[in-house]
Amino acid sequence: MKEFEIILNEAKKGMGFIPNSLFAMGKKPNILGSFAMLMANIQGFSSSQTSAWTGLRLMFKNLRWTLKAKRENHLEVPTYLKNLIAHVASNAAGCRYCQAHTAHTAHRNGVAIEKLQHIWAFETSDLFSEQERAALRFALAAGSTPNQVTPAHHKELQQYFTEQQIVEIVATIAIFGFLNRWNDSMATALEEDPLEFAQLYLSKNWEAGKHAPKGR
């Protein structure tokens, strides 16, 4: 793992050991690099002795991983499926802002309205493939609090997705965990397009609540 030496050394300085989660993320270096940059920008580097040069090296390594992933067409899980995964996870978390956004974006990426309206019947609806069902089951379990993921969920995912694809799926759910908490805590107001889309096409139980724009 010499390629990730900067990240692993920083983790060890701050924690006294290297967390196993970093090795799992390392299956997609661009995801590990982006996570490391996010943590550094939010919490700072692990040690006050960390030089500016170390920060720059991490930034340039992350840029290299990102560009390499782009050249290799790194999005191994279809974008539309990531949108559906994010939608189900956001529903499990209860964030109506992200529910509206993910449904609107899924439709923009080619998901039919009918499929979005039947997403909670994904277990039985002919609109969903077995691969999609496995991903959405995992998203529902992972987005719940407390987390409901079991070894059976992982075993099922492994039937349809590679290790790298599973890292992408988990990263999608994890980043929306960040966004769910951010937008619910900040009561972010919904923008016009996703708001209107959600009002028209999501379940009758959906409402903007604290995310309604002022005056709406």
N, C-alpha and C. Protein backbone atom coordinates (compact mmCIF):
# COMPACT_ATOMS: atom_id res chain seq x y z
N MET A 1 0.83 -1.21 0.00
CA MET A 1 0.00 0.00 0.00
C MET A 1 0.87 1.26 0.00
N LYS A 2 2.05 1.17 -0.60
CA LYS A 2 2.95 2.32 -0.63
C LYS A 2 2.30 3.52 -1.31
N GLU A 3 1.42 3.25 -2.28
CA GLU A 3 0.75 4.32 -3.00
C GLU A 3 -0.03 5.23 -2.05
N PHE A 4 -0.52 4.67 -0.95
CA PHE A 4 -1.35 5.42 0.00
C PHE A 4 -0.58 5.82 1.25
N GLU A 5 0.74 5.82 1.16
CA GLU A 5 1.58 6.03 2.34
C GLU A 5 1.25 7.32 3.08
N ILE A 6 1.01 8.40 2.35
CA ILE A 6 0.70 9.69 3.00
C ILE A 6 -0.54 9.56 3.87
N ILE A 7 -1.59 8.99 3.30
CA ILE A 7 -2.86 8.86 4.02
C ILE A 7 -2.72 7.93 5.22
N LEU A 8 -2.07 6.80 5.01
CA LEU A 8 -1.92 5.83 6.10
C LEU A 8 -1.06 6.37 7.23
N ASN A 9 0.00 7.10 6.88
CA ASN A 9 0.86 7.69 7.91
C ASN A 9 0.11 8.74 8.72
N GLU A 10 -0.69 9.55 8.04
CA GLU A 10 -1.46 10.57 8.75
C GLU A 10 -2.46 9.94 9.71
N ALA A 11 -3.11 8.87 9.24
CA ALA A 11 -4.06 8.17 10.11
C ALA A 11 -3.36 7.61 11.34
N LYS A 12 -2.18 7.03 11.13
CA LYS A 12 -1.46 6.43 12.25
C LYS A 12 -0.99 7.49 13.24
N LYS A 13 -0.57 8.66 12.73
CA LYS A 13 -0.17 9.75 13.63
C LYS A 13 -1.33 10.16 14.53
N GLY A 14 -2.50 10.27 13.94
CA GLY A 14 -3.65 10.77 14.70
C GLY A 14 -4.31 9.75 15.59
N MET A 15 -4.29 8.46 15.18
CA MET A 15 -5.05 7.44 15.89
C MET A 15 -4.17 6.41 16.59
N GLY A 16 -2.91 6.33 16.20
CA GLY A 16 -2.02 5.34 16.77
C GLY A 16 -2.05 4.02 16.04
N PHE A 17 -2.92 3.88 15.05
CA PHE A 17 -3.01 2.66 14.24
C PHE A 17 -3.66 3.05 12.91
N ILE A 18 -3.66 2.13 11.98
CA ILE A 18 -4.28 2.39 10.67
C ILE A 18 -5.64 1.68 10.63
N PRO A 19 -6.74 2.42 10.51
CA PRO A 19 -8.06 1.78 10.49
C PRO A 19 -8.27 0.94 9.23
N ASN A 20 -8.89 -0.20 9.38
CA ASN A 20 -9.13 -1.10 8.26
C ASN A 20 -10.03 -0.49 7.19
N SER A 21 -10.86 0.47 7.58
CA SER A 21 -11.76 1.10 6.61
C SER A 21 -10.98 1.73 5.46
N LEU A 22 -9.77 2.22 5.73
CA LEU A 22 -8.98 2.85 4.68
C LEU A 22 -8.54 1.84 3.62
N PHE A 23 -8.25 0.61 4.05
CA PHE A 23 -7.85 -0.42 3.09
C PHE A 23 -9.02 -0.79 2.17
N ALA A 24 -10.23 -0.81 2.73
CA ALA A 24 -11.40 -1.10 1.90
C ALA A 24 -11.62 0.01 0.88
N MET A 25 -11.53 1.28 1.33
CA MET A 25 -11.68 2.41 0.41
C MET A 25 -10.61 2.41 -0.66
N GLY A 26 -9.43 1.89 -0.32
CA GLY A 26 -8.31 1.89 -1.25
C GLY A 26 -8.55 1.06 -2.50
N LYS A 27 -9.59 0.23 -2.50
CA LYS A 27 -9.94 -0.51 -3.72
C LYS A 27 -10.38 0.46 -4.82
N LYS A 28 -10.79 1.67 -4.42
CA LYS A 28 -11.08 2.76 -5.36
C LYS A 28 -10.26 3.96 -4.88
N PRO A 29 -9.00 4.09 -5.36
CA PRO A 29 -8.11 5.13 -4.83
C PRO A 29 -8.69 6.54 -4.88
N ASN A 30 -9.47 6.85 -5.90
CA ASN A 30 -10.06 8.19 -5.97
C ASN A 30 -11.05 8.43 -4.83
N ILE A 31 -11.71 7.38 -4.37
CA ILE A 31 -12.64 7.52 -3.23
C ILE A 31 -11.85 7.71 -1.94
N LEU A 32 -10.80 6.91 -1.76
CA LEU A 32 -9.95 7.07 -0.57
C LEU A 32 -9.32 8.46 -0.54
N GLY A 33 -8.81 8.91 -1.67
CA GLY A 33 -8.18 10.24 -1.73
C GLY A 33 -9.16 11.35 -1.42
N SER A 34 -10.36 11.25 -1.96
CA SER A 34 -11.37 12.29 -1.72
C SER A 34 -11.80 12.31 -0.25
N PHE A 35 -11.92 11.10 0.33
CA PHE A 35 -12.26 11.02 1.75
C PHE A 35 -11.17 11.65 2.61
N ALA A 36 -9.91 11.35 2.28
CA ALA A 36 -8.80 11.90 3.06
C ALA A 36 -8.77 13.42 2.98
N MET A 37 -9.05 13.97 1.79
CA MET A 37 -9.07 15.42 1.64
C MET A 37 -10.23 16.03 2.43
N LEU A 38 -11.38 15.37 2.39
CA LEU A 38 -12.53 15.86 3.14
C LEU A 38 -12.23 15.89 4.63
N MET A 39 -11.67 14.79 5.15
CA MET A 39 -11.34 14.74 6.57
C MET A 39 -10.31 15.80 6.94
N ALA A 40 -9.30 15.99 6.08
CA ALA A 40 -8.27 16.99 6.37
C ALA A 40 -8.86 18.39 6.39
N ASN A 41 -9.81 18.65 5.51
CA ASN A 41 -10.41 19.98 5.45
C ASN A 41 -11.40 20.24 6.57
N ILE A 42 -12.01 19.17 7.08
CA ILE A 42 -12.98 19.35 8.18
C ILE A 42 -12.29 19.29 9.54
N GLN A 43 -11.44 18.31 9.73
CA GLN A 43 -10.85 18.08 11.05
C GLN A 43 -9.40 18.52 11.16
N GLY A 44 -8.80 18.88 10.03
CA GLY A 44 -7.40 19.22 10.04
C GLY A 44 -6.55 17.97 9.91
N PHE A 45 -5.27 18.15 9.71
CA PHE A 45 -4.37 17.00 9.63
C PHE A 45 -4.16 16.42 11.02
N SER A 46 -3.65 15.21 11.04
CA SER A 46 -3.56 14.46 12.29
C SER A 46 -2.59 15.06 13.29
N SER A 47 -1.60 15.79 12.81
CA SER A 47 -0.56 16.30 13.70
C SER A 47 -0.25 17.75 13.38
N SER A 48 0.01 18.53 14.41
CA SER A 48 0.39 19.92 14.19
C SER A 48 1.73 20.03 13.48
N GLN A 49 2.48 18.91 13.48
CA GLN A 49 3.78 18.90 12.80
C GLN A 49 3.66 18.59 11.31
N THR A 50 2.45 18.23 10.88
CA THR A 50 2.27 17.93 9.46
C THR A 50 2.55 19.18 8.64
N SER A 51 3.43 19.05 7.66
CA SER A 51 3.85 20.21 6.88
C SER A 51 2.85 20.54 5.79
N ALA A 52 2.93 21.78 5.33
CA ALA A 52 2.11 22.19 4.20
C ALA A 52 2.44 21.34 2.98
N TRP A 53 3.71 20.93 2.87
CA TRP A 53 4.13 20.11 1.74
C TRP A 53 3.39 18.78 1.73
N THR A 54 3.15 18.19 2.92
CA THR A 54 2.40 16.94 3.00
C THR A 54 0.98 17.14 2.49
N GLY A 55 0.38 18.25 2.87
CA GLY A 55 -0.96 18.56 2.38
C GLY A 55 -0.99 18.71 0.87
N LEU A 56 0.03 19.36 0.31
CA LEU A 56 0.10 19.53 -1.14
C LEU A 56 0.31 18.19 -1.84
N ARG A 57 1.14 17.34 -1.26
CA ARG A 57 1.38 16.02 -1.85
C ARG A 57 0.08 15.21 -1.88
N LEU A 58 -0.68 15.28 -0.80
CA LEU A 58 -1.96 14.58 -0.76
C LEU A 58 -2.91 15.13 -1.82
N MET A 59 -2.92 16.45 -1.96
CA MET A 59 -3.80 17.08 -2.95
C MET A 59 -3.44 16.62 -4.36
N PHE A 60 -2.14 16.61 -4.68
CA PHE A 60 -1.73 16.21 -6.02
C PHE A 60 -1.94 14.72 -6.28
N LYS A 61 -1.73 13.89 -5.23
CA LYS A 61 -2.00 12.46 -5.39
C LYS A 61 -3.50 12.24 -5.66
N ASN A 62 -4.34 12.98 -4.91
CA ASN A 62 -5.77 12.83 -5.10
C ASN A 62 -6.17 13.25 -6.51
N LEU A 63 -5.57 14.34 -7.00
CA LEU A 63 -5.85 14.78 -8.36
C LEU A 63 -5.44 13.71 -9.37
N ARG A 64 -4.28 13.08 -9.15
CA ARG A 64 -3.81 12.03 -10.06
C ARG A 64 -4.77 10.84 -10.06
N TRP A 65 -5.21 10.42 -8.85
CA TRP A 65 -6.15 9.30 -8.77
C TRP A 65 -7.47 9.64 -9.46
N THR A 66 -7.92 10.87 -9.29
CA THR A 66 -9.18 11.29 -9.91
C THR A 66 -9.08 11.28 -11.43
N LEU A 67 -7.99 11.83 -11.96
CA LEU A 67 -7.80 11.87 -13.41
C LEU A 67 -7.65 10.45 -13.98
N LYS A 68 -6.93 9.59 -13.26
CA LYS A 68 -6.77 8.21 -13.71
C LYS A 68 -8.13 7.50 -13.74
N ALA A 69 -8.93 7.72 -12.71
CA ALA A 69 -10.25 7.09 -12.66
C ALA A 69 -11.12 7.59 -13.81
N LYS A 70 -11.01 8.87 -14.12
CA LYS A 70 -11.80 9.43 -15.22
C LYS A 70 -11.38 8.81 -16.55
N ARG A 71 -10.07 8.65 -16.76
CA ARG A 71 -9.58 8.04 -17.99
C ARG A 71 -10.07 6.60 -18.12
N GLU A 72 -10.16 5.93 -16.99
CA GLU A 72 -10.55 4.51 -17.00
C GLU A 72 -12.06 4.33 -16.87
N ASN A 73 -12.79 5.44 -16.99
CA ASN A 73 -14.25 5.40 -16.86
C ASN A 73 -14.65 4.72 -15.56
N HIS A 74 -14.24 5.36 -14.45
CA HIS A 74 -14.28 4.72 -13.14
C HIS A 74 -15.66 4.43 -12.60
N LEU A 75 -16.71 5.03 -13.16
CA LEU A 75 -18.04 4.83 -12.60
C LEU A 75 -18.57 3.47 -13.02
N GLU A 76 -18.19 2.46 -12.27
CA GLU A 76 -18.53 1.09 -12.63
C GLU A 76 -19.99 0.76 -12.34
N VAL A 77 -20.59 1.40 -11.35
CA VAL A 77 -22.02 1.23 -11.07
C VAL A 77 -22.76 2.31 -11.86
N PRO A 78 -23.78 1.96 -12.63
CA PRO A 78 -24.49 2.97 -13.43
C PRO A 78 -24.98 4.13 -12.58
N THR A 79 -24.88 5.33 -13.14
CA THR A 79 -25.27 6.53 -12.39
C THR A 79 -26.72 6.47 -11.93
N TYR A 80 -27.61 5.99 -12.81
CA TYR A 80 -29.02 5.95 -12.44
C TYR A 80 -29.23 5.07 -11.21
N LEU A 81 -28.46 3.95 -11.13
CA LEU A 81 -28.62 3.05 -9.99
C LEU A 81 -28.10 3.69 -8.71
N LYS A 82 -27.02 4.44 -8.83
CA LYS A 82 -26.54 5.18 -7.66
C LYS A 82 -27.60 6.18 -7.18
N ASN A 83 -28.29 6.81 -8.12
CA ASN A 83 -29.36 7.74 -7.75
C ASN A 83 -30.46 7.02 -6.98
N LEU A 84 -30.84 5.82 -7.44
CA LEU A 84 -31.88 5.06 -6.75
C LEU A 84 -31.40 4.59 -5.38
N ILE A 85 -30.14 4.17 -5.31
CA ILE A 85 -29.55 3.76 -4.02
C ILE A 85 -29.58 4.94 -3.05
N ALA A 86 -29.18 6.11 -3.52
CA ALA A 86 -29.18 7.30 -2.67
C ALA A 86 -30.59 7.67 -2.24
N HIS A 87 -31.56 7.47 -3.13
CA HIS A 87 -32.96 7.79 -2.80
C HIS A 87 -33.48 6.89 -1.69
N VAL A 88 -33.23 5.60 -1.83
CA VAL A 88 -33.71 4.65 -0.82
C VAL A 88 -33.01 4.90 0.52
N ALA A 89 -31.71 5.12 0.49
CA ALA A 89 -30.97 5.39 1.73
C ALA A 89 -31.45 6.68 2.39
N SER A 90 -31.74 7.69 1.59
CA SER A 90 -32.21 8.97 2.14
C SER A 90 -33.61 8.84 2.73
N ASN A 91 -34.43 7.99 2.13
CA ASN A 91 -35.74 7.72 2.73
C ASN A 91 -35.59 7.02 4.06
N ALA A 92 -34.68 6.05 4.12
CA ALA A 92 -34.45 5.34 5.38
C ALA A 92 -33.97 6.30 6.46
N ALA A 93 -33.16 7.30 6.05
CA ALA A 93 -32.64 8.28 7.00
C ALA A 93 -33.66 9.36 7.34
N GLY A 94 -34.69 9.50 6.49
CA GLY A 94 -35.76 10.47 6.76
C GLY A 94 -35.51 11.86 6.23
N CYS A 95 -34.51 12.03 5.35
CA CYS A 95 -34.21 13.37 4.84
C CYS A 95 -35.03 13.67 3.59
N ARG A 96 -36.03 14.54 3.74
CA ARG A 96 -36.92 14.83 2.61
C ARG A 96 -36.25 15.70 1.56
N TYR A 97 -35.29 16.49 1.96
CA TYR A 97 -34.53 17.29 1.00
C TYR A 97 -33.81 16.36 0.02
N CYS A 98 -33.10 15.37 0.56
CA CYS A 98 -32.35 14.44 -0.29
C CYS A 98 -33.27 13.48 -1.03
N GLN A 99 -34.42 13.17 -0.47
CA GLN A 99 -35.40 12.35 -1.19
C GLN A 99 -35.81 13.04 -2.48
N ALA A 100 -36.12 14.33 -2.38
CA ALA A 100 -36.53 15.10 -3.56
C ALA A 100 -35.39 15.20 -4.57
N HIS A 101 -34.20 15.49 -4.09
CA HIS A 101 -33.05 15.65 -4.99
C HIS A 101 -32.73 14.35 -5.73
N THR A 102 -32.68 13.24 -5.01
CA THR A 102 -32.28 11.98 -5.63
C THR A 102 -33.32 11.48 -6.62
N ALA A 103 -34.59 11.68 -6.33
CA ALA A 103 -35.64 11.28 -7.29
C ALA A 103 -35.57 12.13 -8.55
N HIS A 104 -35.42 13.43 -8.37
CA HIS A 104 -35.32 14.36 -9.51
C HIS A 104 -34.11 14.01 -10.37
N THR A 105 -32.96 13.76 -9.73
CA THR A 105 -31.74 13.45 -10.47
C THR A 105 -31.84 12.09 -11.15
N ALA A 106 -32.47 11.12 -10.51
CA ALA A 106 -32.66 9.80 -11.13
C ALA A 106 -33.45 9.92 -12.42
N HIS A 107 -34.50 10.73 -12.38
CA HIS A 107 -35.32 10.92 -13.59
C HIS A 107 -34.50 11.60 -14.68
N ARG A 108 -33.68 12.59 -14.30
CA ARG A 108 -32.82 13.26 -15.28
C ARG A 108 -31.81 12.29 -15.89
N ASN A 109 -31.49 11.22 -15.15
CA ASN A 109 -30.54 10.21 -15.64
C ASN A 109 -31.24 9.01 -16.28
N GLY A 110 -32.51 9.19 -16.61
CA GLY A 110 -33.19 8.18 -17.42
C GLY A 110 -34.16 7.26 -16.71
N VAL A 111 -34.35 7.40 -15.41
CA VAL A 111 -35.29 6.54 -14.70
C VAL A 111 -36.71 7.02 -14.96
N ALA A 112 -37.56 6.12 -15.40
CA ALA A 112 -38.94 6.47 -15.71
C ALA A 112 -39.71 6.85 -14.44
N ILE A 113 -40.68 7.75 -14.61
CA ILE A 113 -41.53 8.15 -13.48
C ILE A 113 -42.18 6.92 -12.84
N GLU A 114 -42.67 6.02 -13.67
CA GLU A 114 -43.35 4.84 -13.15
C GLU A 114 -42.43 4.04 -12.24
N LYS A 115 -41.16 3.92 -12.62
CA LYS A 115 -40.22 3.16 -11.80
C LYS A 115 -39.99 3.86 -10.47
N LEU A 116 -39.86 5.18 -10.49
CA LEU A 116 -39.68 5.93 -9.25
C LEU A 116 -40.90 5.78 -8.34
N GLN A 117 -42.08 5.78 -8.95
CA GLN A 117 -43.30 5.68 -8.14
C GLN A 117 -43.51 4.28 -7.58
N HIS A 118 -42.79 3.30 -8.13
CA HIS A 118 -42.90 1.93 -7.63
C HIS A 118 -41.66 1.50 -6.87
N ILE A 119 -40.83 2.45 -6.48
CA ILE A 119 -39.55 2.05 -5.87
C ILE A 119 -39.74 1.30 -4.56
N TRP A 120 -40.84 1.58 -3.85
CA TRP A 120 -41.05 0.86 -2.59
C TRP A 120 -41.71 -0.49 -2.80
N ALA A 121 -41.94 -0.82 -4.07
CA ALA A 121 -42.38 -2.18 -4.42
C ALA A 121 -41.27 -2.90 -5.16
N PHE A 122 -40.03 -2.46 -4.94
CA PHE A 122 -38.92 -3.03 -5.70
C PHE A 122 -38.74 -4.52 -5.49
N GLU A 123 -39.20 -5.04 -4.34
CA GLU A 123 -39.07 -6.47 -4.07
C GLU A 123 -39.91 -7.32 -5.03
N THR A 124 -41.02 -6.77 -5.50
CA THR A 124 -41.95 -7.58 -6.31
C THR A 124 -42.20 -7.01 -7.70
N SER A 125 -41.90 -5.74 -7.92
CA SER A 125 -42.22 -5.11 -9.20
C SER A 125 -41.32 -5.63 -10.32
N ASP A 126 -41.93 -5.87 -11.48
CA ASP A 126 -41.19 -6.30 -12.66
C ASP A 126 -40.30 -5.19 -13.22
N LEU A 127 -40.45 -3.99 -12.72
CA LEU A 127 -39.65 -2.86 -13.19
C LEU A 127 -38.21 -2.92 -12.69
N PHE A 128 -37.94 -3.79 -11.72
CA PHE A 128 -36.62 -3.87 -11.10
C PHE A 128 -35.97 -5.23 -11.37
N SER A 129 -34.69 -5.19 -11.70
CA SER A 129 -33.94 -6.43 -11.92
C SER A 129 -33.48 -6.99 -10.58
N GLU A 130 -33.00 -8.24 -10.60
CA GLU A 130 -32.48 -8.84 -9.37
C GLU A 130 -31.24 -8.08 -8.87
N GLN A 131 -30.43 -7.61 -9.78
CA GLN A 131 -29.26 -6.81 -9.39
C GLN A 131 -29.69 -5.53 -8.68
N GLU A 132 -30.70 -4.84 -9.23
CA GLU A 132 -31.19 -3.62 -8.61
C GLU A 132 -31.79 -3.91 -7.24
N ARG A 133 -32.54 -5.01 -7.14
CA ARG A 133 -33.14 -5.36 -5.85
C ARG A 133 -32.07 -5.57 -4.78
N ALA A 134 -31.00 -6.26 -5.15
CA ALA A 134 -29.92 -6.49 -4.18
C ALA A 134 -29.32 -5.17 -3.70
N ALA A 135 -29.09 -4.25 -4.63
CA ALA A 135 -28.52 -2.95 -4.27
C ALA A 135 -29.47 -2.14 -3.41
N LEU A 136 -30.75 -2.18 -3.72
CA LEU A 136 -31.72 -1.38 -2.96
C LEU A 136 -31.99 -1.97 -1.58
N ARG A 137 -31.97 -3.29 -1.48
CA ARG A 137 -32.08 -3.92 -0.14
C ARG A 137 -30.92 -3.44 0.74
N PHE A 138 -29.73 -3.45 0.16
CA PHE A 138 -28.56 -3.02 0.91
C PHE A 138 -28.70 -1.55 1.30
N ALA A 139 -29.16 -0.70 0.38
CA ALA A 139 -29.30 0.73 0.64
C ALA A 139 -30.30 0.98 1.78
N LEU A 140 -31.40 0.25 1.77
CA LEU A 140 -32.40 0.41 2.81
C LEU A 140 -31.84 0.03 4.18
N ALA A 141 -31.11 -1.08 4.22
CA ALA A 141 -30.52 -1.53 5.48
C ALA A 141 -29.42 -0.58 5.94
N ALA A 142 -28.59 -0.12 5.00
CA ALA A 142 -27.46 0.74 5.36
C ALA A 142 -27.90 2.15 5.75
N GLY A 143 -29.00 2.61 5.18
CA GLY A 143 -29.48 3.96 5.51
C GLY A 143 -30.27 4.03 6.80
N SER A 144 -30.60 2.88 7.37
CA SER A 144 -31.40 2.84 8.60
C SER A 144 -30.53 3.11 9.82
N THR A 145 -31.19 3.56 10.89
CA THR A 145 -30.52 3.79 12.16
C THR A 145 -31.27 3.03 13.25
N PRO A 146 -30.61 2.07 13.95
CA PRO A 146 -29.23 1.65 13.72
C PRO A 146 -29.09 0.88 12.41
N ASN A 147 -27.88 0.76 11.95
CA ASN A 147 -27.60 0.10 10.68
C ASN A 147 -28.11 -1.35 10.70
N GLN A 148 -28.77 -1.75 9.61
CA GLN A 148 -29.39 -3.08 9.55
C GLN A 148 -28.67 -4.04 8.60
N VAL A 149 -27.49 -3.66 8.11
CA VAL A 149 -26.77 -4.51 7.16
C VAL A 149 -26.28 -5.78 7.86
N THR A 150 -26.48 -6.91 7.20
CA THR A 150 -26.06 -8.21 7.72
C THR A 150 -25.09 -8.87 6.73
N PRO A 151 -24.42 -9.94 7.15
CA PRO A 151 -23.58 -10.68 6.20
C PRO A 151 -24.36 -11.16 4.97
N ALA A 152 -25.65 -11.43 5.15
CA ALA A 152 -26.47 -11.88 4.02
C ALA A 152 -26.58 -10.80 2.95
N HIS A 153 -26.65 -9.53 3.38
CA HIS A 153 -26.70 -8.44 2.40
C HIS A 153 -25.42 -8.42 1.57
N HIS A 154 -24.28 -8.57 2.23
CA HIS A 154 -23.00 -8.56 1.52
C HIS A 154 -22.89 -9.77 0.58
N LYS A 155 -23.33 -10.92 1.05
CA LYS A 155 -23.26 -12.12 0.21
C LYS A 155 -24.09 -11.94 -1.05
N GLU A 156 -25.26 -11.32 -0.90
CA GLU A 156 -26.11 -11.08 -2.06
C GLU A 156 -25.47 -10.08 -3.02
N LEU A 157 -24.91 -8.99 -2.48
CA LEU A 157 -24.26 -8.00 -3.34
C LEU A 157 -23.15 -8.64 -4.16
N GLN A 158 -22.41 -9.54 -3.53
CA GLN A 158 -21.26 -10.17 -4.20
C GLN A 158 -21.67 -11.04 -5.37
N GLN A 159 -22.96 -11.41 -5.44
CA GLN A 159 -23.44 -12.18 -6.58
C GLN A 159 -23.54 -11.31 -7.84
N TYR A 160 -23.70 -10.00 -7.64
CA TYR A 160 -23.99 -9.10 -8.77
C TYR A 160 -22.96 -8.01 -9.00
N PHE A 161 -22.09 -7.76 -8.00
CA PHE A 161 -21.16 -6.64 -8.10
C PHE A 161 -19.75 -7.06 -7.70
N THR A 162 -18.76 -6.42 -8.32
CA THR A 162 -17.36 -6.64 -7.96
C THR A 162 -17.04 -5.91 -6.65
N GLU A 163 -15.84 -6.18 -6.11
CA GLU A 163 -15.41 -5.48 -4.89
C GLU A 163 -15.40 -3.97 -5.12
N GLN A 164 -14.88 -3.55 -6.28
CA GLN A 164 -14.81 -2.11 -6.58
C GLN A 164 -16.20 -1.51 -6.67
N GLN A 165 -17.13 -2.22 -7.27
CA GLN A 165 -18.50 -1.72 -7.38
C GLN A 165 -19.17 -1.63 -6.01
N ILE A 166 -18.90 -2.59 -5.14
CA ILE A 166 -19.47 -2.54 -3.79
C ILE A 166 -18.93 -1.34 -3.03
N VAL A 167 -17.63 -1.03 -3.21
CA VAL A 167 -17.07 0.17 -2.59
C VAL A 167 -17.81 1.41 -3.09
N GLU A 168 -18.12 1.47 -4.39
CA GLU A 168 -18.87 2.60 -4.93
C GLU A 168 -20.27 2.69 -4.31
N ILE A 169 -20.92 1.55 -4.16
CA ILE A 169 -22.27 1.54 -3.58
C ILE A 169 -22.23 2.04 -2.14
N VAL A 170 -21.28 1.52 -1.35
CA VAL A 170 -21.19 1.95 0.05
C VAL A 170 -20.81 3.43 0.12
N ALA A 171 -19.91 3.87 -0.76
CA ALA A 171 -19.51 5.28 -0.76
C ALA A 171 -20.70 6.18 -1.11
N THR A 172 -21.55 5.73 -2.01
CA THR A 172 -22.76 6.50 -2.36
C THR A 172 -23.66 6.66 -1.14
N ILE A 173 -23.89 5.57 -0.43
CA ILE A 173 -24.73 5.62 0.76
C ILE A 173 -24.08 6.49 1.84
N ALA A 174 -22.76 6.36 1.98
CA ALA A 174 -22.05 7.11 3.02
C ALA A 174 -22.07 8.61 2.75
N ILE A 175 -21.85 9.03 1.50
CA ILE A 175 -21.84 10.46 1.22
C ILE A 175 -23.23 11.04 1.38
N PHE A 176 -24.26 10.24 1.10
CA PHE A 176 -25.61 10.74 1.35
C PHE A 176 -25.94 10.71 2.83
N GLY A 177 -25.26 9.87 3.61
CA GLY A 177 -25.39 9.97 5.06
C GLY A 177 -24.93 11.34 5.53
N PHE A 178 -23.81 11.81 4.96
CA PHE A 178 -23.31 13.17 5.25
C PHE A 178 -24.35 14.20 4.84
N LEU A 179 -24.86 14.07 3.61
CA LEU A 179 -25.82 15.06 3.09
C LEU A 179 -27.16 15.00 3.83
N ASN A 180 -27.60 13.80 4.21
CA ASN A 180 -28.85 13.68 4.97
C ASN A 180 -28.75 14.45 6.28
N ARG A 181 -27.65 14.25 6.99
CA ARG A 181 -27.48 14.93 8.28
C ARG A 181 -27.29 16.43 8.09
N TRP A 182 -26.52 16.79 7.07
CA TRP A 182 -26.28 18.22 6.81
C TRP A 182 -27.59 18.94 6.52
N ASN A 183 -28.34 18.44 5.56
CA ASN A 183 -29.53 19.16 5.10
C ASN A 183 -30.67 19.11 6.11
N ASP A 184 -30.80 18.00 6.83
CA ASP A 184 -31.82 17.97 7.88
C ASP A 184 -31.44 18.88 9.05
N SER A 185 -30.17 18.91 9.39
CA SER A 185 -29.73 19.76 10.51
C SER A 185 -29.78 21.24 10.15
N MET A 186 -29.48 21.56 8.90
CA MET A 186 -29.48 22.96 8.45
C MET A 186 -30.84 23.40 7.92
N ALA A 187 -31.81 22.46 7.84
CA ALA A 187 -33.13 22.75 7.27
C ALA A 187 -33.00 23.46 5.93
N THR A 188 -32.15 22.90 5.06
CA THR A 188 -31.90 23.50 3.75
C THR A 188 -33.19 23.61 2.95
N ALA A 189 -33.45 24.77 2.40
CA ALA A 189 -34.67 24.99 1.60
C ALA A 189 -34.53 24.33 0.24
N LEU A 190 -35.56 23.62 -0.19
CA LEU A 190 -35.55 22.97 -1.49
C LEU A 190 -35.62 23.99 -2.62
N GLU A 191 -34.90 23.68 -3.68
CA GLU A 191 -34.93 24.50 -4.88
C GLU A 191 -36.21 24.19 -5.68
N GLU A 192 -36.57 25.05 -6.57
CA GLU A 192 -37.86 24.95 -7.26
C GLU A 192 -38.03 23.64 -8.03
N ASP A 193 -37.03 23.24 -8.82
CA ASP A 193 -37.19 22.05 -9.67
C ASP A 193 -37.39 20.77 -8.88
N PRO A 194 -36.50 20.43 -7.93
CA PRO A 194 -36.74 19.19 -7.17
C PRO A 194 -37.99 19.26 -6.30
N LEU A 195 -38.33 20.45 -5.82
CA LEU A 195 -39.53 20.59 -5.01
C LEU A 195 -40.77 20.26 -5.83
N GLU A 196 -40.88 20.84 -7.02
CA GLU A 196 -42.04 20.59 -7.87
C GLU A 196 -42.09 19.13 -8.30
N PHE A 197 -40.93 18.56 -8.61
CA PHE A 197 -40.88 17.16 -9.02
C PHE A 197 -41.39 16.27 -7.89
N ALA A 198 -40.89 16.49 -6.69
CA ALA A 198 -41.30 15.66 -5.55
C ALA A 198 -42.79 15.80 -5.27
N GLN A 199 -43.29 17.01 -5.36
CA GLN A 199 -44.72 17.23 -5.11
C GLN A 199 -45.59 16.53 -6.14
N LEU A 200 -45.11 16.46 -7.37
CA LEU A 200 -45.88 15.83 -8.44
C LEU A 200 -45.80 14.30 -8.42
N TYR A 201 -44.59 13.77 -8.14
CA TYR A 201 -44.37 12.36 -8.43
C TYR A 201 -44.03 11.46 -7.25
N LEU A 202 -43.65 12.02 -6.13
CA LEU A 202 -43.33 11.15 -4.99
C LEU A 202 -44.61 10.74 -4.26
N SER A 203 -44.44 9.86 -3.31
CA SER A 203 -45.57 9.34 -2.55
C SER A 203 -46.42 10.47 -1.96
N LYS A 204 -47.68 10.21 -1.81
CA LYS A 204 -48.58 11.20 -1.19
C LYS A 204 -48.16 11.52 0.24
N ASN A 205 -47.34 10.63 0.82
CA ASN A 205 -46.86 10.87 2.18
C ASN A 205 -45.68 11.84 2.22
N TRP A 206 -45.13 12.18 1.03
CA TRP A 206 -43.99 13.10 1.01
C TRP A 206 -44.46 14.53 1.15
N GLU A 207 -43.76 15.29 1.97
CA GLU A 207 -43.98 16.74 2.05
C GLU A 207 -42.66 17.41 2.38
N ALA A 208 -42.54 18.67 1.95
CA ALA A 208 -41.26 19.36 2.12
C ALA A 208 -40.93 19.62 3.58
N GLY A 209 -41.95 19.83 4.41
CA GLY A 209 -41.71 20.10 5.83
C GLY A 209 -40.80 21.28 6.02
N LYS A 210 -39.75 21.10 6.84
CA LYS A 210 -38.85 22.21 7.14
C LYS A 210 -38.00 22.62 5.94
N HIS A 211 -38.06 21.85 4.86
CA HIS A 211 -37.29 22.18 3.66
C HIS A 211 -38.09 23.02 2.66
N ALA A 212 -39.33 23.37 3.03
CA ALA A 212 -40.12 24.22 2.15
C ALA A 212 -39.52 25.61 2.07
N PRO A 213 -39.41 26.18 0.87
CA PRO A 213 -38.90 27.54 0.77
C PRO A 213 -39.81 28.50 1.54
N LYS A 214 -39.24 29.58 2.00
CA LYS A 214 -40.04 30.56 2.73
C LYS A 214 -41.16 31.09 1.84
N GLY A 215 -42.34 31.16 2.43
CA GLY A 215 -43.48 31.65 1.68
C GLY A 215 -44.23 30.58 0.93
N ARG A 216 -43.75 29.29 1.02
CA ARG A 216 -44.43 28.20 0.32
C ARG A 216 -45.19 27.34 1.32
